[in-house]
Amino acid sequence: MRGRTGSTASTVTWFDDTKLQLPEHVTVRTVPGIVQQVEGSGRVPATVDFSRVQQADSVALALLLRWQSQLQQPLQVVALPGQLRTLLPLYDLEHVLSVA
């Protein structure tokens, strides 16, 4: 099942009930809307896909940690942008998130 909510640049897309594809922009400006969409769906992603993301800042990591705290297993992260990947060791997150 695939579902979308909101405008194209800030729309999250669900694949099945556990895989979430983030929108093009994941920034301090767009994260409140992303949180609202996800929480409004009543689902918690087990996999988060960054493949559509063109712009992201460190608040994206806080978003991932928010979802990770609601899971019993590591959150799967796909296509994490390079600038965020370099922050993982700085914040000691390389063992908290499962990044592919």
Foldseek 3Di string as FASTA:
>chain_A
DWDWDDDQQAIWIDDPQAEIEGGQEAEPVRVVVVVCVCVVVVGQHLEYEDVNHPYYDQVVVVVLVVSLVVDPDAREYEPDDPVNVVCCVVVVNPVRHHYD
